[in-house]
């Protein structure tokens, strides 16, 4: 999959959001490649990663488990997606009313291999 269609990007983002909203760690992690590199400001606090980077699916599982524990009422609201080349961006309302934009880069099998997460204060 080189160029994603908007429909493909929306499907990826929708199933990812649904897994988070169900607090289903296994379904969340099913979206990610084993060699995932996940970069987020939240990783500094929740994962103790000074550079904000979580590497590998085992470390990501631990990080996401802490996130679900820290935010028991977590519920994301997908606003829109943008499709790209082997990538898409999901824009959604995150925890504490934050606006989030995550750039998901996919590998050749359609699994997420790199994420760059960005946040803005509530509007």
N, C-alpha and C. Protein backbone atom coordinates (compact mmCIF):
# COMPACT_ATOMS: atom_id res chain seq x y z
N UNK A 1 0.86 -1.17 0.00
CA UNK A 1 0.00 0.00 0.00
C UNK A 1 0.90 1.23 0.00
N UNK A 2 0.99 1.90 -1.12
CA UNK A 2 1.79 3.12 -1.19
C UNK A 2 0.94 4.31 -0.78
N UNK A 3 0.10 4.78 -1.67
CA UNK A 3 -0.78 5.89 -1.35
C UNK A 3 -2.06 5.34 -0.72
N UNK A 4 -2.38 5.82 0.46
CA UNK A 4 -3.61 5.40 1.13
C UNK A 4 -4.78 6.22 0.58
N UNK A 5 -5.93 5.59 0.50
CA UNK A 5 -7.13 6.34 0.19
C UNK A 5 -7.66 6.93 1.50
N UNK A 6 -8.54 7.89 1.38
CA UNK A 6 -9.16 8.45 2.57
C UNK A 6 -9.94 7.36 3.31
N UNK A 7 -10.59 6.47 2.57
CA UNK A 7 -11.37 5.39 3.19
C UNK A 7 -10.47 4.45 3.98
N UNK A 8 -9.29 4.10 3.44
CA UNK A 8 -8.35 3.24 4.17
C UNK A 8 -7.86 3.92 5.45
N UNK A 9 -7.53 5.20 5.33
CA UNK A 9 -7.07 5.95 6.51
C UNK A 9 -8.16 6.02 7.56
N UNK A 10 -9.39 6.27 7.13
CA UNK A 10 -10.52 6.35 8.06
C UNK A 10 -10.75 5.00 8.75
N UNK A 11 -10.65 3.91 8.00
CA UNK A 11 -10.84 2.58 8.58
C UNK A 11 -9.77 2.29 9.64
N UNK A 12 -8.51 2.57 9.33
CA UNK A 12 -7.42 2.38 10.31
C UNK A 12 -7.70 3.19 11.57
N UNK A 13 -8.00 4.46 11.39
CA UNK A 13 -8.21 5.36 12.54
C UNK A 13 -9.44 4.95 13.34
N UNK A 14 -10.51 4.57 12.67
CA UNK A 14 -11.75 4.21 13.35
C UNK A 14 -11.58 2.96 14.20
N UNK A 15 -10.91 1.94 13.66
CA UNK A 15 -10.72 0.73 14.45
C UNK A 15 -9.76 0.96 15.61
N UNK A 16 -8.78 1.83 15.41
CA UNK A 16 -7.84 2.19 16.47
C UNK A 16 -8.57 2.93 17.60
N UNK A 17 -9.39 3.92 17.24
CA UNK A 17 -10.17 4.68 18.23
C UNK A 17 -11.12 3.74 18.98
N UNK A 18 -11.79 2.85 18.27
CA UNK A 18 -12.73 1.92 18.91
C UNK A 18 -12.02 1.03 19.92
N UNK A 19 -10.83 0.56 19.59
CA UNK A 19 -10.07 -0.27 20.53
C UNK A 19 -9.71 0.51 21.80
N UNK A 20 -9.29 1.76 21.63
CA UNK A 20 -8.99 2.61 22.79
C UNK A 20 -10.25 2.85 23.61
N UNK A 21 -11.35 3.17 22.96
CA UNK A 21 -12.59 3.47 23.68
C UNK A 21 -13.13 2.25 24.42
N UNK A 22 -12.80 1.05 23.93
CA UNK A 22 -13.18 -0.18 24.62
C UNK A 22 -12.15 -0.58 25.68
N UNK A 23 -11.05 0.17 25.76
CA UNK A 23 -9.96 -0.11 26.71
C UNK A 23 -9.44 -1.54 26.51
N UNK A 24 -9.35 -1.96 25.26
CA UNK A 24 -8.94 -3.31 24.90
C UNK A 24 -7.48 -3.28 24.45
N UNK A 25 -6.58 -3.55 25.38
CA UNK A 25 -5.15 -3.42 25.11
C UNK A 25 -4.69 -4.31 23.97
N UNK A 26 -5.18 -5.54 23.89
CA UNK A 26 -4.77 -6.43 22.80
C UNK A 26 -5.21 -5.89 21.44
N UNK A 27 -6.43 -5.38 21.35
CA UNK A 27 -6.90 -4.81 20.08
C UNK A 27 -6.12 -3.54 19.73
N UNK A 28 -5.79 -2.73 20.73
CA UNK A 28 -4.99 -1.54 20.47
C UNK A 28 -3.65 -1.96 19.87
N UNK A 29 -2.97 -2.89 20.55
CA UNK A 29 -1.62 -3.30 20.14
C UNK A 29 -1.61 -4.04 18.80
N UNK A 30 -2.74 -4.62 18.40
CA UNK A 30 -2.79 -5.32 17.11
C UNK A 30 -2.50 -4.40 15.94
N UNK A 31 -2.61 -3.09 16.14
CA UNK A 31 -2.36 -2.13 15.07
C UNK A 31 -0.86 -1.89 14.84
N UNK A 32 -0.02 -2.30 15.78
CA UNK A 32 1.39 -1.91 15.77
C UNK A 32 2.32 -3.05 15.38
N UNK A 33 3.39 -2.70 14.67
CA UNK A 33 4.46 -3.63 14.34
C UNK A 33 5.31 -3.89 15.59
N UNK A 34 5.99 -5.02 15.61
CA UNK A 34 6.84 -5.36 16.76
C UNK A 34 7.93 -4.32 17.00
N UNK A 35 8.45 -3.73 15.94
CA UNK A 35 9.55 -2.77 16.05
C UNK A 35 9.06 -1.32 16.09
N UNK A 36 7.89 -1.10 16.64
CA UNK A 36 7.28 0.23 16.71
C UNK A 36 8.18 1.25 17.40
N UNK A 37 8.16 2.46 16.87
CA UNK A 37 8.78 3.62 17.53
C UNK A 37 7.66 4.63 17.74
N UNK A 38 7.35 4.90 19.00
CA UNK A 38 6.21 5.73 19.36
C UNK A 38 6.74 6.97 20.09
N UNK A 39 6.49 8.16 19.53
CA UNK A 39 7.02 9.40 20.08
C UNK A 39 5.85 10.27 20.54
N UNK A 40 5.83 10.59 21.85
CA UNK A 40 4.72 11.36 22.41
C UNK A 40 5.17 12.12 23.66
N UNK A 41 4.66 13.34 23.83
CA UNK A 41 4.95 14.06 25.07
C UNK A 41 4.46 13.30 26.32
N UNK A 42 3.40 12.50 26.19
CA UNK A 42 2.90 11.72 27.32
C UNK A 42 3.91 10.65 27.75
N UNK A 43 4.75 10.18 26.83
CA UNK A 43 5.72 9.13 27.15
C UNK A 43 6.78 9.62 28.14
N UNK A 44 7.01 10.92 28.18
CA UNK A 44 7.98 11.45 29.15
C UNK A 44 7.50 11.15 30.56
N UNK A 45 6.22 11.42 30.82
CA UNK A 45 5.67 11.23 32.17
C UNK A 45 5.25 9.79 32.44
N UNK A 46 4.50 9.19 31.52
CA UNK A 46 3.93 7.87 31.78
C UNK A 46 4.92 6.72 31.58
N UNK A 47 5.88 6.88 30.70
CA UNK A 47 6.84 5.81 30.44
C UNK A 47 8.23 6.13 30.98
N UNK A 48 8.40 7.34 31.51
CA UNK A 48 9.72 7.71 32.01
C UNK A 48 10.76 7.80 30.92
N UNK A 49 10.33 8.11 29.70
CA UNK A 49 11.24 8.21 28.56
C UNK A 49 11.62 9.68 28.37
N UNK A 50 12.85 10.07 28.76
CA UNK A 50 13.23 11.49 28.67
C UNK A 50 13.08 12.10 27.29
N UNK A 51 13.29 11.29 26.24
CA UNK A 51 13.15 11.82 24.88
C UNK A 51 11.74 11.61 24.32
N UNK A 52 10.83 11.07 25.14
CA UNK A 52 9.45 10.87 24.71
C UNK A 52 9.25 9.72 23.75
N UNK A 53 10.22 8.82 23.65
CA UNK A 53 10.15 7.74 22.68
C UNK A 53 10.02 6.39 23.38
N UNK A 54 9.04 5.61 22.94
CA UNK A 54 8.85 4.23 23.39
C UNK A 54 9.20 3.35 22.20
N UNK A 55 10.10 2.39 22.42
CA UNK A 55 10.56 1.54 21.32
C UNK A 55 10.20 0.08 21.59
N UNK A 56 9.59 -0.55 20.61
CA UNK A 56 9.25 -1.96 20.69
C UNK A 56 7.87 -2.19 21.28
N UNK A 57 7.23 -3.26 20.83
CA UNK A 57 5.86 -3.56 21.20
C UNK A 57 5.73 -3.93 22.68
N UNK A 58 6.73 -4.58 23.25
CA UNK A 58 6.67 -4.95 24.67
C UNK A 58 6.64 -3.69 25.53
N UNK A 59 7.51 -2.74 25.23
CA UNK A 59 7.53 -1.47 25.97
C UNK A 59 6.25 -0.68 25.72
N UNK A 60 5.73 -0.75 24.49
CA UNK A 60 4.50 -0.03 24.17
C UNK A 60 3.32 -0.60 24.96
N UNK A 61 3.27 -1.91 25.12
CA UNK A 61 2.21 -2.54 25.91
C UNK A 61 2.22 -1.98 27.33
N UNK A 62 3.38 -1.92 27.92
CA UNK A 62 3.51 -1.40 29.28
C UNK A 62 3.07 0.06 29.36
N UNK A 63 3.51 0.86 28.40
CA UNK A 63 3.15 2.27 28.35
C UNK A 63 1.64 2.46 28.19
N UNK A 64 1.04 1.74 27.25
CA UNK A 64 -0.40 1.87 27.03
C UNK A 64 -1.19 1.37 28.24
N UNK A 65 -0.72 0.32 28.90
CA UNK A 65 -1.40 -0.17 30.11
C UNK A 65 -1.40 0.92 31.18
N UNK A 66 -0.27 1.61 31.33
CA UNK A 66 -0.21 2.73 32.29
C UNK A 66 -1.14 3.86 31.90
N UNK A 67 -1.24 4.13 30.61
CA UNK A 67 -2.14 5.19 30.13
C UNK A 67 -3.59 4.85 30.43
N UNK A 68 -3.99 3.60 30.19
CA UNK A 68 -5.36 3.19 30.48
C UNK A 68 -5.65 3.25 31.97
N UNK A 69 -4.66 2.93 32.78
CA UNK A 69 -4.81 3.02 34.24
C UNK A 69 -4.89 4.47 34.70
N UNK A 70 -4.07 5.32 34.12
CA UNK A 70 -4.04 6.73 34.51
C UNK A 70 -5.29 7.48 34.09
N UNK A 71 -5.94 7.02 33.02
CA UNK A 71 -7.13 7.69 32.48
C UNK A 71 -8.27 6.68 32.36
N UNK A 72 -8.87 6.27 33.47
CA UNK A 72 -9.91 5.24 33.43
C UNK A 72 -11.16 5.65 32.65
N UNK A 73 -11.40 6.94 32.49
CA UNK A 73 -12.56 7.41 31.74
C UNK A 73 -12.19 7.77 30.30
N UNK A 74 -11.02 7.35 29.85
CA UNK A 74 -10.53 7.69 28.52
C UNK A 74 -11.58 7.35 27.46
N UNK A 75 -11.86 8.34 26.63
CA UNK A 75 -12.75 8.15 25.48
C UNK A 75 -12.34 9.17 24.42
N UNK A 76 -11.90 8.66 23.28
CA UNK A 76 -11.46 9.52 22.19
C UNK A 76 -12.62 9.79 21.24
N UNK A 77 -12.58 10.96 20.59
CA UNK A 77 -13.58 11.32 19.58
C UNK A 77 -12.83 11.69 18.30
N UNK A 78 -12.94 10.82 17.30
CA UNK A 78 -12.29 11.07 16.02
C UNK A 78 -12.95 12.25 15.33
N UNK A 79 -12.13 13.21 14.90
CA UNK A 79 -12.65 14.38 14.20
C UNK A 79 -12.46 14.25 12.69
N UNK A 80 -11.24 13.91 12.26
CA UNK A 80 -11.01 13.67 10.84
C UNK A 80 -9.67 12.99 10.64
N UNK A 81 -9.46 12.49 9.44
CA UNK A 81 -8.20 11.85 9.08
C UNK A 81 -7.67 12.47 7.80
N UNK A 82 -6.37 12.38 7.63
CA UNK A 82 -5.70 12.79 6.40
C UNK A 82 -4.89 11.60 5.91
N UNK A 83 -5.01 11.27 4.62
CA UNK A 83 -4.29 10.14 4.04
C UNK A 83 -3.00 10.61 3.40
N UNK A 84 -1.99 9.74 3.42
CA UNK A 84 -0.70 10.07 2.82
C UNK A 84 -0.09 8.86 2.14
N UNK A 85 1.22 8.90 1.99
CA UNK A 85 1.98 7.80 1.40
C UNK A 85 2.40 6.88 2.54
N UNK A 86 1.85 5.65 2.57
CA UNK A 86 2.11 4.70 3.66
C UNK A 86 1.94 5.33 5.03
N UNK A 87 1.03 6.29 5.13
CA UNK A 87 0.82 6.97 6.40
C UNK A 87 -0.53 7.67 6.40
N UNK A 88 -0.96 8.00 7.62
CA UNK A 88 -2.15 8.81 7.78
C UNK A 88 -2.03 9.57 9.09
N UNK A 89 -2.83 10.62 9.20
CA UNK A 89 -2.89 11.40 10.43
C UNK A 89 -4.33 11.35 10.93
N UNK A 90 -4.46 11.03 12.21
CA UNK A 90 -5.77 11.04 12.87
C UNK A 90 -5.82 12.25 13.79
N UNK A 91 -6.85 13.05 13.63
CA UNK A 91 -7.07 14.21 14.50
C UNK A 91 -8.29 13.88 15.35
N UNK A 92 -8.11 13.98 16.67
CA UNK A 92 -9.17 13.56 17.58
C UNK A 92 -9.10 14.32 18.89
N UNK A 93 -10.21 14.28 19.62
CA UNK A 93 -10.21 14.84 20.97
C UNK A 93 -9.71 13.74 21.89
N UNK A 94 -8.71 14.08 22.70
CA UNK A 94 -8.04 13.12 23.56
C UNK A 94 -8.49 13.31 25.01
N UNK A 95 -7.66 12.87 25.93
CA UNK A 95 -7.95 13.00 27.36
C UNK A 95 -7.89 14.46 27.79
N UNK A 96 -8.62 14.77 28.83
CA UNK A 96 -8.65 16.12 29.40
C UNK A 96 -9.00 17.20 28.38
N UNK A 97 -9.74 16.82 27.35
CA UNK A 97 -10.17 17.79 26.34
C UNK A 97 -9.09 18.20 25.37
N UNK A 98 -7.90 17.60 25.47
CA UNK A 98 -6.82 17.95 24.55
C UNK A 98 -7.19 17.61 23.12
N UNK A 99 -6.73 18.43 22.19
CA UNK A 99 -6.82 18.13 20.78
C UNK A 99 -5.55 17.36 20.42
N UNK A 100 -5.70 16.27 19.68
CA UNK A 100 -4.55 15.44 19.34
C UNK A 100 -4.48 15.23 17.84
N UNK A 101 -3.27 15.13 17.35
CA UNK A 101 -3.01 14.73 15.96
C UNK A 101 -1.86 13.73 16.01
N UNK A 102 -2.13 12.53 15.54
CA UNK A 102 -1.10 11.50 15.52
C UNK A 102 -0.83 11.11 14.08
N UNK A 103 0.44 11.12 13.72
CA UNK A 103 0.89 10.70 12.41
C UNK A 103 1.32 9.24 12.53
N UNK A 104 0.68 8.37 11.76
CA UNK A 104 0.94 6.94 11.78
C UNK A 104 1.64 6.55 10.48
N UNK A 105 2.85 6.04 10.59
CA UNK A 105 3.58 5.53 9.43
C UNK A 105 3.47 4.01 9.43
N UNK A 106 3.08 3.44 8.30
CA UNK A 106 2.83 2.01 8.21
C UNK A 106 3.97 1.26 7.53
N UNK A 107 4.13 -0.01 7.92
CA UNK A 107 5.11 -0.86 7.25
C UNK A 107 4.45 -1.52 6.04
N UNK A 108 5.15 -2.41 5.37
CA UNK A 108 4.63 -3.07 4.18
C UNK A 108 3.45 -3.98 4.44
N UNK A 109 3.22 -4.35 5.71
CA UNK A 109 2.11 -5.23 6.06
C UNK A 109 0.92 -4.46 6.62
N UNK A 110 1.00 -3.12 6.60
CA UNK A 110 -0.10 -2.30 7.09
C UNK A 110 -0.12 -2.11 8.59
N UNK A 111 0.96 -2.51 9.26
CA UNK A 111 1.08 -2.29 10.71
C UNK A 111 1.79 -0.96 10.95
N UNK A 112 1.47 -0.32 12.06
CA UNK A 112 2.07 0.97 12.40
C UNK A 112 3.50 0.73 12.89
N UNK A 113 4.46 1.38 12.22
CA UNK A 113 5.86 1.21 12.63
C UNK A 113 6.43 2.46 13.30
N UNK A 114 5.75 3.60 13.12
CA UNK A 114 6.21 4.83 13.76
C UNK A 114 5.02 5.75 13.96
N UNK A 115 5.00 6.38 15.14
CA UNK A 115 3.95 7.34 15.48
C UNK A 115 4.60 8.60 16.00
N UNK A 116 4.09 9.74 15.56
CA UNK A 116 4.45 11.04 16.12
C UNK A 116 3.16 11.64 16.65
N UNK A 117 3.07 11.80 17.96
CA UNK A 117 1.86 12.33 18.60
C UNK A 117 2.04 13.79 18.95
N UNK A 118 1.00 14.58 18.68
CA UNK A 118 1.02 16.03 18.93
C UNK A 118 -0.26 16.41 19.67
N UNK A 119 -0.14 17.41 20.55
CA UNK A 119 -1.30 17.81 21.37
C UNK A 119 -1.40 19.34 21.44
N UNK A 120 -2.64 19.79 21.55
CA UNK A 120 -2.92 21.23 21.74
C UNK A 120 -3.94 21.34 22.87
N UNK A 121 -3.93 22.47 23.57
CA UNK A 121 -4.92 22.65 24.64
C UNK A 121 -6.33 22.65 24.09
N UNK A 122 -7.31 22.39 24.96
CA UNK A 122 -8.70 22.42 24.50
C UNK A 122 -9.02 23.78 23.86
N UNK A 123 -9.90 23.75 22.84
CA UNK A 123 -10.23 25.01 22.17
C UNK A 123 -11.02 25.95 23.08
